[in-house]
Amino acid sequence: YKCKAFTFGGCNGNLTGFSSEGQCQRWWLRGVPEKPVCSLAVEKGKGIWGIFAWSYNATQDQCQVFLYSGFGGNSNQFKSCYQCMNRCSGNKNSRYVCDILNYQFMVYYFSRVPFGIGWPT
């Protein structure tokens, strides 16, 4: 099996048209012990850096921000909420969900960072 993104043209469809990689993996990997990317628990890694990244939380069917150390960890880490949700969630409102999550993160982050320190890159 391989869950792979494609653009459906509308003709001769079958039952393999999932709305996300996470949905595809949940279907095809029922009972398989190896965990797919979207089912892995968040791992912050073993480095010394603090880089904001996004990880999919299967229980909540949405992505969450975490502080990645810059080294190690696993594949359940994305540069943006949009990348994370597009790959792992079947939620049709993922763009709206990410807009809300990004806003909540910015409010939280800027309420705790001293004035004058720039946005993390």
PDB file of N, CA and C in Angstrom:
ATOM      1  N   TYR A   1       0.843  -1.175   0.000  1.00  0.00           N
ATOM      2  CA  TYR A   1       0.000   0.000   0.000  1.00  0.00           C
ATOM      3  C   TYR A   1       0.882   1.229   0.000  1.00  0.00           C
ATOM      4  N   LYS A   2       0.364   2.314  -0.492  1.00  0.00           N
ATOM      5  CA  LYS A   2       1.021   3.619  -0.352  1.00  0.00           C
ATOM      6  C   LYS A   2      -0.047   4.694  -0.485  1.00  0.00           C
ATOM      7  N   CYS A   3      -0.147   5.530   0.526  1.00  0.00           N
ATOM      8  CA  CYS A   3      -1.068   6.656   0.475  1.00  0.00           C
ATOM      9  C   CYS A   3      -0.334   7.806  -0.196  1.00  0.00           C
ATOM     10  N   LYS A   4      -0.856   8.246  -1.313  1.00  0.00           N
ATOM     11  CA  LYS A   4      -0.181   9.258  -2.116  1.00  0.00           C
ATOM     12  C   LYS A   4      -1.216  10.263  -2.618  1.00  0.00           C
ATOM     13  N   ALA A   5      -0.886  11.531  -2.533  1.00  0.00           N
ATOM     14  CA  ALA A   5      -1.799  12.582  -2.987  1.00  0.00           C
ATOM     15  C   ALA A   5      -1.908  12.584  -4.506  1.00  0.00           C
ATOM     16  N   PHE A   6      -3.103  12.851  -5.005  1.00  0.00           N
ATOM     17  CA  PHE A   6      -3.321  12.977  -6.445  1.00  0.00           C
ATOM     18  C   PHE A   6      -4.521  13.876  -6.666  1.00  0.00           C
ATOM     19  N   THR A   7      -4.661  14.377  -7.864  1.00  0.00           N
ATOM     20  CA  THR A   7      -5.808  15.204  -8.227  1.00  0.00           C
ATOM     21  C   THR A   7      -6.766  14.351  -9.031  1.00  0.00           C
ATOM     22  N   PHE A   8      -7.977  14.189  -8.524  1.00  0.00           N
ATOM     23  CA  PHE A   8      -8.979  13.366  -9.185  1.00  0.00           C
ATOM     24  C   PHE A   8      -9.652  14.174 -10.280  1.00  0.00           C
ATOM     25  N   GLY A   9      -9.663  13.625 -11.479  1.00  0.00           N
ATOM     26  CA  GLY A   9     -10.240  14.319 -12.628  1.00  0.00           C
ATOM     27  C   GLY A   9     -11.738  14.157 -12.757  1.00  0.00           C
ATOM     28  N   GLY A  10     -12.351  13.248 -11.987  1.00  0.00           N
ATOM     29  CA  GLY A  10     -13.796  13.106 -11.995  1.00  0.00           C
ATOM     30  C   GLY A  10     -14.330  11.917 -12.765  1.00  0.00           C
ATOM     31  N   CYS A  11     -13.488  11.160 -13.451  1.00  0.00           N
ATOM     32  CA  CYS A  11     -13.949  10.013 -14.238  1.00  0.00           C
ATOM     33  C   CYS A  11     -13.390   8.712 -13.683  1.00  0.00           C
ATOM     34  N   ASN A  12     -14.192   7.652 -13.797  1.00  0.00           N
ATOM     35  CA  ASN A  12     -13.770   6.301 -13.404  1.00  0.00           C
ATOM     36  C   ASN A  12     -13.211   6.254 -11.987  1.00  0.00           C
ATOM     37  N   GLY A  13     -13.875   6.868 -11.068  1.00  0.00           N
ATOM     38  CA  GLY A  13     -13.415   6.880  -9.682  1.00  0.00           C
ATOM     39  C   GLY A  13     -13.597   5.530  -9.015  1.00  0.00           C
ATOM     40  N   ASN A  14     -12.920   5.352  -7.887  1.00  0.00           N
ATOM     41  CA  ASN A  14     -13.080   4.144  -7.087  1.00  0.00           C
ATOM     42  C   ASN A  14     -13.119   4.551  -5.621  1.00  0.00           C
ATOM     43  N   LEU A  15     -12.989   3.591  -4.743  1.00  0.00           N
ATOM     44  CA  LEU A  15     -13.122   3.883  -3.316  1.00  0.00           C
ATOM     45  C   LEU A  15     -11.825   4.350  -2.668  1.00  0.00           C
ATOM     46  N   THR A  16     -10.798   4.632  -3.454  1.00  0.00           N
ATOM     47  CA  THR A  16      -9.524   5.023  -2.855  1.00  0.00           C
ATOM     48  C   THR A  16      -9.330   6.528  -2.790  1.00  0.00           C
ATOM     49  N   GLY A  17     -10.369   7.296  -2.979  1.00  0.00           N
ATOM     50  CA  GLY A  17     -10.241   8.756  -2.941  1.00  0.00           C
ATOM     51  C   GLY A  17     -10.442   9.296  -1.547  1.00  0.00           C
ATOM     52  N   PHE A  18      -9.405   9.278  -0.730  1.00  0.00           N
ATOM     53  CA  PHE A  18      -9.486   9.787   0.632  1.00  0.00           C
ATOM     54  C   PHE A  18      -9.202  11.286   0.636  1.00  0.00           C
ATOM     55  N   SER A  19      -9.696  11.971   1.642  1.00  0.00           N
ATOM     56  CA  SER A  19      -9.510  13.420   1.692  1.00  0.00           C
ATOM     57  C   SER A  19      -8.174  13.833   2.307  1.00  0.00           C
ATOM     58  N   SER A  20      -7.450  12.887   2.914  1.00  0.00           N
ATOM     59  CA  SER A  20      -6.147  13.210   3.494  1.00  0.00           C
ATOM     60  C   SER A  20      -5.308  11.946   3.607  1.00  0.00           C
ATOM     61  N   GLU A  21      -4.004  12.130   3.800  1.00  0.00           N
ATOM     62  CA  GLU A  21      -3.124  10.976   3.999  1.00  0.00           C
ATOM     63  C   GLU A  21      -3.470  10.260   5.299  1.00  0.00           C
ATOM     64  N   GLY A  22      -3.806  11.033   6.331  1.00  0.00           N
ATOM     65  CA  GLY A  22      -4.170  10.429   7.609  1.00  0.00           C
ATOM     66  C   GLY A  22      -5.381   9.526   7.480  1.00  0.00           C
ATOM     67  N   GLN A  23      -6.391   9.964   6.740  1.00  0.00           N
ATOM     68  CA  GLN A  23      -7.589   9.155   6.529  1.00  0.00           C
ATOM     69  C   GLN A  23      -7.242   7.888   5.750  1.00  0.00           C
ATOM     70  N   CYS A  24      -6.408   8.011   4.733  1.00  0.00           N
ATOM     71  CA  CYS A  24      -5.965   6.862   3.950  1.00  0.00           C
ATOM     72  C   CYS A  24      -5.214   5.869   4.835  1.00  0.00           C
ATOM     73  N   GLN A  25      -4.294   6.377   5.655  1.00  0.00           N
ATOM     74  CA  GLN A  25      -3.511   5.500   6.517  1.00  0.00           C
ATOM     75  C   GLN A  25      -4.391   4.794   7.537  1.00  0.00           C
ATOM     76  N   ARG A  26      -5.354   5.519   8.093  1.00  0.00           N
ATOM     77  CA  ARG A  26      -6.251   4.876   9.061  1.00  0.00           C
ATOM     78  C   ARG A  26      -7.026   3.740   8.407  1.00  0.00           C
ATOM     79  N   TRP A  27      -7.385   3.883   7.124  1.00  0.00           N
ATOM     80  CA  TRP A  27      -8.123   2.848   6.406  1.00  0.00           C
ATOM     81  C   TRP A  27      -7.237   1.650   6.075  1.00  0.00           C
ATOM     82  N   TRP A  28      -6.087   1.899   5.451  1.00  0.00           N
ATOM     83  CA  TRP A  28      -5.237   0.812   4.956  1.00  0.00           C
ATOM     84  C   TRP A  28      -4.399   0.146   6.027  1.00  0.00           C
ATOM     85  N   LEU A  29      -4.121   0.834   7.117  1.00  0.00           N
ATOM     86  CA  LEU A  29      -3.235   0.267   8.128  1.00  0.00           C
ATOM     87  C   LEU A  29      -3.971  -0.242   9.366  1.00  0.00           C
ATOM     88  N   ARG A  30      -5.227  -0.584   9.202  1.00  0.00           N
ATOM     89  CA  ARG A  30      -5.963  -1.156  10.334  1.00  0.00           C
ATOM     90  C   ARG A  30      -5.256  -2.429  10.784  1.00  0.00           C
ATOM     91  N   GLY A  31      -4.876  -2.483  12.043  1.00  0.00           N
ATOM     92  CA  GLY A  31      -4.242  -3.671  12.598  1.00  0.00           C
ATOM     93  C   GLY A  31      -2.756  -3.805  12.308  1.00  0.00           C
ATOM     94  N   VAL A  32      -2.169  -2.861  11.597  1.00  0.00           N
ATOM     95  CA  VAL A  32      -0.736  -2.926  11.305  1.00  0.00           C
ATOM     96  C   VAL A  32       0.014  -2.261  12.453  1.00  0.00           C
ATOM     97  N   PRO A  33       1.004  -2.954  13.056  1.00  0.00           N
ATOM     98  CA  PRO A  33       1.664  -2.388  14.230  1.00  0.00           C
ATOM     99  C   PRO A  33       2.526  -1.151  13.965  1.00  0.00           C
ATOM    100  N   GLU A  34       3.143  -1.026  12.777  1.00  0.00           N
ATOM    101  CA  GLU A  34       3.982   0.133  12.506  1.00  0.00           C
ATOM    102  C   GLU A  34       3.112   1.376  12.351  1.00  0.00           C
ATOM    103  N   LYS A  35       3.488   2.442  13.024  1.00  0.00           N
ATOM    104  CA  LYS A  35       2.664   3.650  13.012  1.00  0.00           C
ATOM    105  C   LYS A  35       2.994   4.539  11.817  1.00  0.00           C
ATOM    106  N   PRO A  36       1.976   5.004  11.088  1.00  0.00           N
ATOM    107  CA  PRO A  36       2.208   5.966  10.013  1.00  0.00           C
ATOM    108  C   PRO A  36       2.537   7.347  10.599  1.00  0.00           C
ATOM    109  N   VAL A  37       3.072   8.211   9.772  1.00  0.00           N
ATOM    110  CA  VAL A  37       3.516   9.544  10.196  1.00  0.00           C
ATOM    111  C   VAL A  37       2.462  10.263  11.033  1.00  0.00           C
ATOM    112  N   CYS A  38       1.239  10.284  10.570  1.00  0.00           N
ATOM    113  CA  CYS A  38       0.193  11.068  11.231  1.00  0.00           C
ATOM    114  C   CYS A  38      -0.254  10.467  12.558  1.00  0.00           C
ATOM    115  N   SER A  39       0.163   9.239  12.857  1.00  0.00           N
ATOM    116  CA  SER A  39      -0.202   8.606  14.121  1.00  0.00           C
ATOM    117  C   SER A  39       0.922   8.646  15.146  1.00  0.00           C
ATOM    118  N   LEU A  40       2.087   9.116  14.754  1.00  0.00           N
ATOM    119  CA  LEU A  40       3.216   9.174  15.678  1.00  0.00           C
ATOM    120  C   LEU A  40       2.991  10.243  16.740  1.00  0.00           C
ATOM    121  N   ALA A  41       3.437   9.942  17.959  1.00  0.00           N
ATOM    122  CA  ALA A  41       3.381  10.934  19.034  1.00  0.00           C
ATOM    123  C   ALA A  41       4.417  12.017  18.760  1.00  0.00           C
ATOM    124  N   VAL A  42       4.156  13.210  19.232  1.00  0.00           N
ATOM    125  CA  VAL A  42       5.098  14.308  19.028  1.00  0.00           C
ATOM    126  C   VAL A  42       6.415  13.991  19.740  1.00  0.00           C
ATOM    127  N   GLU A  43       7.521  14.246  19.055  1.00  0.00           N
ATOM    128  CA  GLU A  43       8.855  14.096  19.646  1.00  0.00           C
ATOM    129  C   GLU A  43       9.604  15.406  19.456  1.00  0.00           C
ATOM    130  N   LYS A  44      10.014  15.996  20.555  1.00  0.00           N
ATOM    131  CA  LYS A  44      10.666  17.303  20.500  1.00  0.00           C
ATOM    132  C   LYS A  44      12.112  17.228  20.030  1.00  0.00           C
ATOM    133  N   GLY A  45      12.704  16.041  20.020  1.00  0.00           N
ATOM    134  CA  GLY A  45      14.072  15.871  19.558  1.00  0.00           C
ATOM    135  C   GLY A  45      15.091  16.064  20.660  1.00  0.00           C
ATOM    136  N   LYS A  46      16.371  16.015  20.263  1.00  0.00           N
ATOM    137  CA  LYS A  46      17.456  16.042  21.235  1.00  0.00           C
ATOM    138  C   LYS A  46      18.438  17.188  21.015  1.00  0.00           C
ATOM    139  N   GLY A  47      18.099  18.143  20.215  1.00  0.00           N
ATOM    140  CA  GLY A  47      18.994  19.270  19.945  1.00  0.00           C
ATOM    141  C   GLY A  47      18.889  20.355  21.002  1.00  0.00           C
ATOM    142  N   ILE A  48      19.526  21.480  20.720  1.00  0.00           N
ATOM    143  CA  ILE A  48      19.539  22.586  21.687  1.00  0.00           C
ATOM    144  C   ILE A  48      18.757  23.801  21.204  1.00  0.00           C
ATOM    145  N   TRP A  49      18.246  23.749  19.989  1.00  0.00           N
ATOM    146  CA  TRP A  49      17.539  24.888  19.419  1.00  0.00           C
ATOM    147  C   TRP A  49      16.068  24.867  19.795  1.00  0.00           C
ATOM    148  N   GLY A  50      15.406  25.972  19.634  1.00  0.00           N
ATOM    149  CA  GLY A  50      13.973  26.067  19.851  1.00  0.00           C
ATOM    150  C   GLY A  50      13.299  26.554  18.585  1.00  0.00           C
ATOM    151  N   ILE A  51      12.736  25.633  17.839  1.00  0.00           N
ATOM    152  CA  ILE A  51      12.100  25.958  16.564  1.00  0.00           C
ATOM    153  C   ILE A  51      10.629  25.566  16.658  1.00  0.00           C
ATOM    154  N   PHE A  52       9.741  26.484  16.357  1.00  0.00           N
ATOM    155  CA  PHE A  52       8.328  26.141  16.395  1.00  0.00           C
ATOM    156  C   PHE A  52       7.978  25.267  15.199  1.00  0.00           C
ATOM    157  N   ALA A  53       7.278  24.185  15.469  1.00  0.00           N
ATOM    158  CA  ALA A  53       6.844  23.257  14.424  1.00  0.00           C
ATOM    159  C   ALA A  53       5.428  22.809  14.767  1.00  0.00           C
ATOM    160  N   TRP A  54       4.810  22.088  13.839  1.00  0.00           N
ATOM    161  CA  TRP A  54       3.443  21.602  14.024  1.00  0.00           C
ATOM    162  C   TRP A  54       3.428  20.085  13.969  1.00  0.00           C
ATOM    163  N   SER A  55       2.619  19.481  14.814  1.00  0.00           N
ATOM    164  CA  SER A  55       2.491  18.031  14.894  1.00  0.00           C
ATOM    165  C   SER A  55       1.010  17.676  14.902  1.00  0.00           C
ATOM    166  N   TYR A  56       0.661  16.567  14.256  1.00  0.00           N
ATOM    167  CA  TYR A  56      -0.737  16.150  14.197  1.00  0.00           C
ATOM    168  C   TYR A  56      -1.113  15.380  15.451  1.00  0.00           C
ATOM    169  N   ASN A  57      -2.244  15.727  16.047  1.00  0.00           N
ATOM    170  CA  ASN A  57      -2.799  15.037  17.199  1.00  0.00           C
ATOM    171  C   ASN A  57      -4.030  14.276  16.720  1.00  0.00           C
ATOM    172  N   ALA A  58      -3.897  12.951  16.568  1.00  0.00           N
ATOM    173  CA  ALA A  58      -4.974  12.130  16.013  1.00  0.00           C
ATOM    174  C   ALA A  58      -6.215  12.132  16.900  1.00  0.00           C
ATOM    175  N   THR A  59      -6.040  12.242  18.208  1.00  0.00           N
ATOM    176  CA  THR A  59      -7.180  12.250  19.126  1.00  0.00           C
ATOM    177  C   THR A  59      -8.072  13.463  18.884  1.00  0.00           C
ATOM    178  N   GLN A  60      -7.459  14.615  18.637  1.00  0.00           N
ATOM    179  CA  GLN A  60      -8.212  15.849  18.409  1.00  0.00           C
ATOM    180  C   GLN A  60      -8.485  16.114  16.933  1.00  0.00           C
ATOM    181  N   ASP A  61      -7.920  15.302  16.043  1.00  0.00           N
ATOM    182  CA  ASP A  61      -7.998  15.486  14.589  1.00  0.00           C
ATOM    183  C   ASP A  61      -7.627  16.912  14.196  1.00  0.00           C
ATOM    184  N   GLN A  62      -6.556  17.397  14.796  1.00  0.00           N
ATOM    185  CA  GLN A  62      -6.027  18.697  14.411  1.00  0.00           C
ATOM    186  C   GLN A  62      -4.557  18.768  14.799  1.00  0.00           C
ATOM    187  N   CYS A  63      -3.887  19.756  14.279  1.00  0.00           N
ATOM    188  CA  CYS A  63      -2.463  19.919  14.528  1.00  0.00           C
ATOM    189  C   CYS A  63      -2.241  20.846  15.712  1.00  0.00           C
ATOM    190  N   GLN A  64      -1.077  20.687  16.325  1.00  0.00           N
ATOM    191  CA  GLN A  64      -0.732  21.513  17.474  1.00  0.00           C
ATOM    192  C   GLN A  64       0.710  21.980  17.324  1.00  0.00           C
ATOM    193  N   VAL A  65       0.979  23.157  17.818  1.00  0.00           N
ATOM    194  CA  VAL A  65       2.330  23.708  17.739  1.00  0.00           C
ATOM    195  C   VAL A  65       3.153  23.140  18.894  1.00  0.00           C
ATOM    196  N   PHE A  66       4.443  22.927  18.639  1.00  0.00           N
ATOM    197  CA  PHE A  66       5.346  22.494  19.697  1.00  0.00           C
ATOM    198  C   PHE A  66       6.728  23.071  19.426  1.00  0.00           C
ATOM    199  N   LEU A  67       7.591  23.030  20.419  1.00  0.00           N
ATOM    200  CA  LEU A  67       8.941  23.557  20.301  1.00  0.00           C
ATOM    201  C   LEU A  67       9.877  22.406  19.958  1.00  0.00           C
ATOM    202  N   TYR A  68      10.325  22.381  18.705  1.00  0.00           N
ATOM    203  CA  TYR A  68      11.225  21.334  18.214  1.00  0.00           C
ATOM    204  C   TYR A  68      12.666  21.740  18.509  1.00  0.00           C
ATOM    205  N   SER A  69      13.475  20.774  18.926  1.00  0.00           N
ATOM    206  CA  SER A  69      14.856  21.063  19.331  1.00  0.00           C
ATOM    207  C   SER A  69      15.812  21.232  18.159  1.00  0.00           C
ATOM    208  N   GLY A  70      15.381  20.883  16.955  1.00  0.00           N
ATOM    209  CA  GLY A  70      16.233  21.049  15.782  1.00  0.00           C
ATOM    210  C   GLY A  70      17.009  19.814  15.382  1.00  0.00           C
ATOM    211  N   PHE A  71      16.950  18.747  16.187  1.00  0.00           N
ATOM    212  CA  PHE A  71      17.683  17.524  15.856  1.00  0.00           C
ATOM    213  C   PHE A  71      16.908  16.319  16.369  1.00  0.00           C
ATOM    214  N   GLY A  72      16.819  15.279  15.548  1.00  0.00           N
ATOM    215  CA  GLY A  72      16.121  14.070  15.964  1.00  0.00           C
ATOM    216  C   GLY A  72      14.619  14.230  15.820  1.00  0.00           C
ATOM    217  N   GLY A  73      13.891  13.594  16.702  1.00  0.00           N
ATOM    218  CA  GLY A  73      12.438  13.610  16.603  1.00  0.00           C
ATOM    219  C   GLY A  73      11.955  12.584  15.600  1.00  0.00           C
ATOM    220  N   ASN A  74      10.756  12.771  15.082  1.00  0.00           N
ATOM    221  CA  ASN A  74      10.215  11.852  14.081  1.00  0.00           C
ATOM    222  C   ASN A  74       9.582  12.647  12.941  1.00  0.00           C
ATOM    223  N   SER A  75       8.910  11.949  12.074  1.00  0.00           N
ATOM    224  CA  SER A  75       8.350  12.584  10.871  1.00  0.00           C
ATOM    225  C   SER A  75       7.060  13.351  11.115  1.00  0.00           C
ATOM    226  N   ASN A  76       6.492  13.247  12.305  1.00  0.00           N
ATOM    227  CA  ASN A  76       5.260  13.976  12.602  1.00  0.00           C
ATOM    228  C   ASN A  76       5.618  15.395  13.037  1.00  0.00           C
ATOM    229  N   GLN A  77       6.228  16.128  12.121  1.00  0.00           N
ATOM    230  CA  GLN A  77       6.550  17.538  12.349  1.00  0.00           C
ATOM    231  C   GLN A  77       6.491  18.264  11.017  1.00  0.00           C
ATOM    232  N   PHE A  78       5.847  19.405  11.043  1.00  0.00           N
ATOM    233  CA  PHE A  78       5.594  20.167   9.829  1.00  0.00           C
ATOM    234  C   PHE A  78       5.945  21.623  10.075  1.00  0.00           C
ATOM    235  N   LYS A  79       6.301  22.333   9.013  1.00  0.00           N
ATOM    236  CA  LYS A  79       6.673  23.745   9.127  1.00  0.00           C
ATOM    237  C   LYS A  79       5.472  24.647   9.357  1.00  0.00           C
ATOM    238  N   SER A  80       4.286  24.195   8.957  1.00  0.00           N
ATOM    239  CA  SER A  80       3.098  25.030   9.140  1.00  0.00           C
ATOM    240  C   SER A  80       1.898  24.170   9.502  1.00  0.00           C
ATOM    241  N   CYS A  81       0.921  24.810  10.084  1.00  0.00           N
ATOM    242  CA  CYS A  81      -0.338  24.138  10.400  1.00  0.00           C
ATOM    243  C   CYS A  81      -0.995  23.635   9.120  1.00  0.00           C
ATOM    244  N   TYR A  82      -0.921  24.430   8.065  1.00  0.00           N
ATOM    245  CA  TYR A  82      -1.565  24.062   6.801  1.00  0.00           C
ATOM    246  C   TYR A  82      -0.964  22.789   6.218  1.00  0.00           C
ATOM    247  N   GLN A  83       0.377  22.681   6.240  1.00  0.00           N
ATOM    248  CA  GLN A  83       1.025  21.458   5.751  1.00  0.00           C
ATOM    249  C   GLN A  83       0.584  20.260   6.581  1.00  0.00           C
ATOM    250  N   CYS A  84       0.558  20.442   7.878  1.00  0.00           N
ATOM    251  CA  CYS A  84       0.179  19.374   8.797  1.00  0.00           C
ATOM    252  C   CYS A  84      -1.263  18.922   8.569  1.00  0.00           C
ATOM    253  N   MET A  85      -2.187  19.858   8.539  1.00  0.00           N
ATOM    254  CA  MET A  85      -3.600  19.515   8.365  1.00  0.00           C
ATOM    255  C   MET A  85      -3.874  18.919   6.987  1.00  0.00           C
ATOM    256  N   ASN A  86      -3.231  19.450   5.954  1.00  0.00           N
ATOM    257  CA  ASN A  86      -3.447  18.920   4.608  1.00  0.00           C
ATOM    258  C   ASN A  86      -2.959  17.489   4.484  1.00  0.00           C
ATOM    259  N   ARG A  87      -1.904  17.152   5.195  1.00  0.00           N
ATOM    260  CA  ARG A  87      -1.379  15.796   5.097  1.00  0.00           C
ATOM    261  C   ARG A  87      -2.139  14.823   5.976  1.00  0.00           C
ATOM    262  N   CYS A  88      -2.539  15.251   7.159  1.00  0.00           N
ATOM    263  CA  CYS A  88      -3.023  14.299   8.156  1.00  0.00           C
ATOM    264  C   CYS A  88      -4.512  14.343   8.469  1.00  0.00           C
ATOM    265  N   SER A  89      -5.175  15.438   8.273  1.00  0.00           N
ATOM    266  CA  SER A  89      -6.567  15.552   8.707  1.00  0.00           C
ATOM    267  C   SER A  89      -7.535  15.437   7.540  1.00  0.00           C
ATOM    268  N   GLY A  90      -8.653  14.812   7.803  1.00  0.00           N
ATOM    269  CA  GLY A  90      -9.719  14.747   6.815  1.00  0.00           C
ATOM    270  C   GLY A  90     -10.716  15.882   6.986  1.00  0.00           C
ATOM    271  N   ASN A  91     -10.422  16.812   7.872  1.00  0.00           N
ATOM    272  CA  ASN A  91     -11.321  17.917   8.171  1.00  0.00           C
ATOM    273  C   ASN A  91     -11.450  18.837   6.957  1.00  0.00           C
ATOM    274  N   LYS A  92     -12.659  18.999   6.477  1.00  0.00           N
ATOM    275  CA  LYS A  92     -12.912  19.859   5.310  1.00  0.00           C
ATOM    276  C   LYS A  92     -12.670  21.336   5.615  1.00  0.00           C
ATOM    277  N   ASN A  93     -12.663  21.687   6.890  1.00  0.00           N
ATOM    278  CA  ASN A  93     -12.459  23.078   7.308  1.00  0.00           C
ATOM    279  C   ASN A  93     -11.037  23.310   7.805  1.00  0.00           C
ATOM    280  N   SER A  94     -10.069  22.547   7.301  1.00  0.00           N
ATOM    281  CA  SER A  94      -8.712  22.624   7.841  1.00  0.00           C
ATOM    282  C   SER A  94      -8.103  24.018   7.698  1.00  0.00           C
ATOM    283  N   ARG A  95      -8.410  24.729   6.638  1.00  0.00           N
ATOM    284  CA  ARG A  95      -7.876  26.087   6.456  1.00  0.00           C
ATOM    285  C   ARG A  95      -8.394  27.002   7.567  1.00  0.00           C
ATOM    286  N   TYR A  96      -9.683  26.911   7.856  1.00  0.00           N
ATOM    287  CA  TYR A  96     -10.295  27.705   8.920  1.00  0.00           C
ATOM    288  C   TYR A  96      -9.713  27.307  10.281  1.00  0.00           C
ATOM    289  N   VAL A  97      -9.567  25.999  10.514  1.00  0.00           N
ATOM    290  CA  VAL A  97      -8.997  25.510  11.773  1.00  0.00           C
ATOM    291  C   VAL A  97      -7.592  26.074  11.958  1.00  0.00           C
ATOM    292  N   CYS A  98      -6.781  26.041  10.898  1.00  0.00           N
ATOM    293  CA  CYS A  98      -5.412  26.571  10.983  1.00  0.00           C
ATOM    294  C   CYS A  98      -5.401  28.076  11.225  1.00  0.00           C
ATOM    295  N   ASP A  99      -6.314  28.794  10.611  1.00  0.00           N
ATOM    296  CA  ASP A  99      -6.390  30.235  10.863  1.00  0.00           C
ATOM    297  C   ASP A  99      -6.612  30.502  12.348  1.00  0.00           C
ATOM    298  N   ILE A 100      -7.503  29.742  12.955  1.00  0.00           N
ATOM    299  CA  ILE A 100      -7.792  29.898  14.386  1.00  0.00           C
ATOM    300  C   ILE A 100      -6.586  29.488  15.226  1.00  0.00           C
ATOM    301  N   LEU A 101      -5.994  28.324  14.915  1.00  0.00           N
ATOM    302  CA  LEU A 101      -4.843  27.845  15.682  1.00  0.00           C
ATOM    303  C   LEU A 101      -3.653  28.792  15.567  1.00  0.00           C
ATOM    304  N   ASN A 102      -3.406  29.314  14.371  1.00  0.00           N
ATOM    305  CA  ASN A 102      -2.314  30.277  14.194  1.00  0.00           C
ATOM    306  C   ASN A 102      -2.567  31.543  15.006  1.00  0.00           C
ATOM    307  N   TYR A 103      -3.794  32.018  15.003  1.00  0.00           N
ATOM    308  CA  TYR A 103      -4.146  33.210  15.775  1.00  0.00           C
ATOM    309  C   TYR A 103      -3.940  32.951  17.273  1.00  0.00           C
ATOM    310  N   GLN A 104      -4.441  31.805  17.764  1.00  0.00           N
ATOM    311  CA  GLN A 104      -4.289  31.474  19.180  1.00  0.00           C
ATOM    312  C   GLN A 104      -2.817  31.388  19.567  1.00  0.00           C
ATOM    313  N   PHE A 105      -2.020  30.792  18.683  1.00  0.00           N
ATOM    314  CA  PHE A 105      -0.589  30.680  18.962  1.00  0.00           C
ATOM    315  C   PHE A 105       0.065  32.057  19.028  1.00  0.00           C
ATOM    316  N   MET A 106      -0.252  32.927  18.084  1.00  0.00           N
ATOM    317  CA  MET A 106       0.349  34.266  18.080  1.00  0.00           C
ATOM    318  C   MET A 106      -0.037  35.046  19.332  1.00  0.00           C
ATOM    319  N   VAL A 107      -1.297  34.965  19.732  1.00  0.00           N
ATOM    320  CA  VAL A 107      -1.740  35.657  20.944  1.00  0.00           C
ATOM    321  C   VAL A 107      -0.978  35.115  22.149  1.00  0.00           C
ATOM    322  N   TYR A 108      -0.883  33.795  22.251  1.00  0.00           N
ATOM    323  CA  TYR A 108      -0.165  33.171  23.365  1.00  0.00           C
ATOM    324  C   TYR A 108       1.311  33.576  23.348  1.00  0.00           C
ATOM    325  N   TYR A 109       1.945  33.456  22.183  1.00  0.00           N
ATOM    326  CA  TYR A 109       3.379  33.735  22.058  1.00  0.00           C
ATOM    327  C   TYR A 109       3.697  35.188  22.384  1.00  0.00           C
ATOM    328  N   PHE A 110       2.980  36.120  21.767  1.00  0.00           N
ATOM    329  CA  PHE A 110       3.282  37.532  21.968  1.00  0.00           C
ATOM    330  C   PHE A 110       2.880  38.039  23.346  1.00  0.00           C
ATOM    331  N   SER A 111       2.028  37.322  24.052  1.00  0.00           N
ATOM    332  CA  SER A 111       1.692  37.732  25.413  1.00  0.00           C
ATOM    333  C   SER A 111       2.799  37.333  26.390  1.00  0.00           C
ATOM    334  N   ARG A 112       3.735  36.482  25.945  1.00  0.00           N
ATOM    335  CA  ARG A 112       4.790  35.997  26.826  1.00  0.00           C
ATOM    336  C   ARG A 112       6.196  36.422  26.416  1.00  0.00           C
ATOM    337  N   VAL A 113       6.349  36.983  25.238  1.00  0.00           N
ATOM    338  CA  VAL A 113       7.668  37.381  24.744  1.00  0.00           C
ATOM    339  C   VAL A 113       7.877  38.865  25.023  1.00  0.00           C
ATOM    340  N   PRO A 114       9.029  39.213  25.603  1.00  0.00           N
ATOM    341  CA  PRO A 114       9.297  40.637  25.857  1.00  0.00           C
ATOM    342  C   PRO A 114       9.293  41.444  24.566  1.00  0.00           C
ATOM    343  N   PHE A 115       8.835  42.675  24.648  1.00  0.00           N
ATOM    344  CA  PHE A 115       8.783  43.550  23.472  1.00  0.00           C
ATOM    345  C   PHE A 115      10.181  43.711  22.886  1.00  0.00           C
ATOM    346  N   GLY A 116      10.270  43.700  21.561  1.00  0.00           N
ATOM    347  CA  GLY A 116      11.551  43.904  20.903  1.00  0.00           C
ATOM    348  C   GLY A 116      12.185  42.625  20.391  1.00  0.00           C
ATOM    349  N   ILE A 117      11.708  41.488  20.846  1.00  0.00           N
ATOM    350  CA  ILE A 117      12.229  40.216  20.337  1.00  0.00           C
ATOM    351  C   ILE A 117      11.403  39.843  19.123  1.00  0.00           C
ATOM    352  N   GLY A 118      12.051  39.558  18.025  1.00  0.00           N
ATOM    353  CA  GLY A 118      11.351  39.293  16.768  1.00  0.00           C
ATOM    354  C   GLY A 118      10.682  37.942  16.712  1.00  0.00           C
ATOM    355  N   TRP A 119       9.867  37.802  15.696  1.00  0.00           N
ATOM    356  CA  TRP A 119       9.162  36.546  15.427  1.00  0.00           C
ATOM    357  C   TRP A 119      10.177  35.462  15.087  1.00  0.00           C
ATOM    358  N   PRO A 120      10.036  34.251  15.600  1.00  0.00           N
ATOM    359  CA  PRO A 120      11.009  33.189  15.316  1.00  0.00           C
ATOM    360  C   PRO A 120      10.998  32.811  13.841  1.00  0.00           C
ATOM    361  N   THR A 121      12.164  32.506  13.303  1.00  0.00           N
ATOM    362  CA  THR A 121      12.263  32.102  11.899  1.00  0.00           C
ATOM    363  C   THR A 121      12.589  30.638  11.783  1.00  0.00           C
TER     364      THR A 121
END
